[in-house]
Amino acid sequence: MMRKDTPYIKNRHNHAAEAAAFVRDCCVCGEGETQWAANLYAAYVEWARNKRRTIASAKSFGIGMRDLGFERRKSSFVVWLGVGLRSDPTRSASLPLNERKSGK
């Protein structure tokens, strides 16, 4: 059994805390919200740079998002379910490619 003060547990807490701060500042959450993982991570990196924070790897960021309860789906690309970017005025970037092309 792993002790609670091991680096793994501390890092898991840090991943979730960092992701939570980003979500609070930059995202909308709710049913029907989706966002490409690459777009979400790019927005996180920009946010972290602007806040002068240490930038987590994409894997660490993903662990934090998962620990917050967001679900990840993968087909030809990876999307996060239940979260979208506030800064996307058209919200079209949160739609899968096939829906954006058809105008749905």
Protein backbone atom coordinates (compact mmCIF):
# COMPACT_ATOMS: atom_id res chain seq x y z
CA MET A 1 0.00 0.00 0.00
CA MET A 2 1.33 3.44 -0.93
CA ARG A 3 1.77 6.04 1.80
CA LYS A 4 -0.11 9.31 1.35
CA ASP A 5 3.05 11.39 1.60
CA THR A 6 4.82 9.73 -1.34
CA PRO A 7 5.80 11.94 -4.29
CA TYR A 8 3.28 10.12 -6.51
CA ILE A 9 0.35 11.21 -4.34
CA LYS A 10 1.69 14.74 -3.99
CA ASN A 11 2.14 14.97 -7.75
CA ARG A 12 -1.38 13.66 -8.38
CA HIS A 13 -2.71 16.40 -6.10
CA ASN A 14 -0.61 19.01 -7.93
CA HIS A 15 -1.88 17.85 -11.33
CA ALA A 16 -5.49 18.20 -10.24
CA ALA A 17 -4.90 21.54 -8.52
CA GLU A 18 -3.17 22.98 -11.58
CA ALA A 19 -5.89 21.71 -13.93
CA ALA A 20 -8.59 23.04 -11.57
CA ALA A 21 -7.06 26.53 -11.57
CA PHE A 22 -6.95 26.51 -15.38
CA VAL A 23 -10.54 25.24 -15.70
CA ARG A 24 -11.77 27.87 -13.23
CA ASP A 25 -10.06 30.71 -15.15
CA CYS A 26 -10.52 29.64 -18.77
CA CYS A 27 -13.25 27.05 -19.24
CA VAL A 28 -16.97 26.44 -19.19
CA CYS A 29 -18.17 23.11 -17.90
CA GLY A 30 -21.35 21.23 -18.55
CA GLU A 31 -23.14 18.56 -20.46
CA GLY A 32 -22.66 18.92 -24.18
CA GLU A 33 -19.35 20.78 -23.87
CA THR A 34 -16.45 19.15 -25.71
CA GLN A 35 -12.99 20.35 -26.57
CA TRP A 36 -10.15 18.87 -28.56
CA ALA A 37 -7.42 17.78 -26.18
CA ALA A 38 -4.73 19.54 -28.24
CA ASN A 39 -6.65 22.84 -28.15
CA LEU A 40 -7.29 22.55 -24.43
CA TYR A 41 -3.65 21.80 -23.69
CA ALA A 42 -2.45 24.67 -25.92
CA ALA A 43 -4.78 27.05 -24.04
CA TYR A 44 -3.45 25.69 -20.75
CA VAL A 45 0.17 26.30 -21.84
CA GLU A 46 -0.66 29.90 -22.80
CA TRP A 47 -2.49 30.41 -19.49
CA ALA A 48 0.42 28.94 -17.50
CA ARG A 49 2.93 31.17 -19.32
CA ASN A 50 0.82 34.27 -18.68
CA LYS A 51 0.52 33.33 -14.99
CA ARG A 52 4.27 32.52 -14.84
CA ARG A 53 3.54 28.99 -13.66
CA THR A 54 5.52 25.87 -14.35
CA ILE A 55 4.02 24.19 -17.40
CA ALA A 56 2.90 20.61 -16.83
CA SER A 57 3.45 18.02 -19.53
CA ALA A 58 0.45 17.04 -21.64
CA LYS A 59 0.34 13.74 -19.77
CA SER A 60 0.35 15.45 -16.35
CA PHE A 61 -2.31 17.90 -17.50
CA GLY A 62 -4.43 14.98 -18.72
CA ILE A 63 -4.04 13.19 -15.38
CA GLY A 64 -5.23 16.35 -13.63
CA MET A 65 -8.26 16.68 -15.91
CA ARG A 66 -9.15 13.04 -15.35
CA ASP A 67 -8.73 13.46 -11.58
CA LEU A 68 -11.20 16.36 -11.75
CA GLY A 69 -13.74 13.98 -13.26
CA PHE A 70 -13.58 14.94 -16.93
CA GLU A 71 -13.87 12.13 -19.44
CA ARG A 72 -11.58 11.72 -22.42
CA ARG A 73 -12.70 10.11 -25.68
CA LYS A 74 -10.48 9.01 -28.51
CA SER A 75 -11.40 8.22 -32.09
CA SER A 76 -9.27 9.80 -34.81
CA PHE A 77 -8.49 12.57 -32.30
CA VAL A 78 -8.86 13.01 -28.54
CA VAL A 79 -11.56 15.20 -27.01
CA TRP A 80 -12.43 16.06 -23.44
CA LEU A 81 -16.12 15.80 -22.56
CA GLY A 82 -17.86 18.23 -20.22
CA VAL A 83 -15.43 21.12 -20.73
CA GLY A 84 -15.00 23.86 -23.34
CA LEU A 85 -12.88 26.99 -23.70
CA ARG A 86 -14.42 30.33 -22.76
CA SER A 87 -12.18 32.13 -25.23
CA ASP A 88 -13.75 30.37 -28.23
CA PRO A 89 -16.50 32.85 -29.26
CA THR A 90 -18.00 30.62 -31.94
CA ARG A 91 -17.46 27.43 -29.99
CA SER A 92 -16.85 25.76 -33.39
CA ALA A 93 -13.42 24.59 -32.25
CA SER A 94 -15.17 22.41 -29.72
CA LEU A 95 -17.06 20.52 -32.43
CA PRO A 96 -15.65 17.45 -34.13
CA LEU A 97 -14.32 18.09 -37.63
CA ASN A 98 -17.16 16.30 -39.39
CA GLU A 99 -19.74 18.53 -37.65
CA ARG A 100 -17.81 21.74 -38.37
CA LYS A 101 -17.62 20.93 -42.10
CA SER A 102 -21.32 20.18 -42.38
CA GLY A 103 -22.31 23.31 -40.47
CA LYS A 104 -24.24 21.49 -37.75
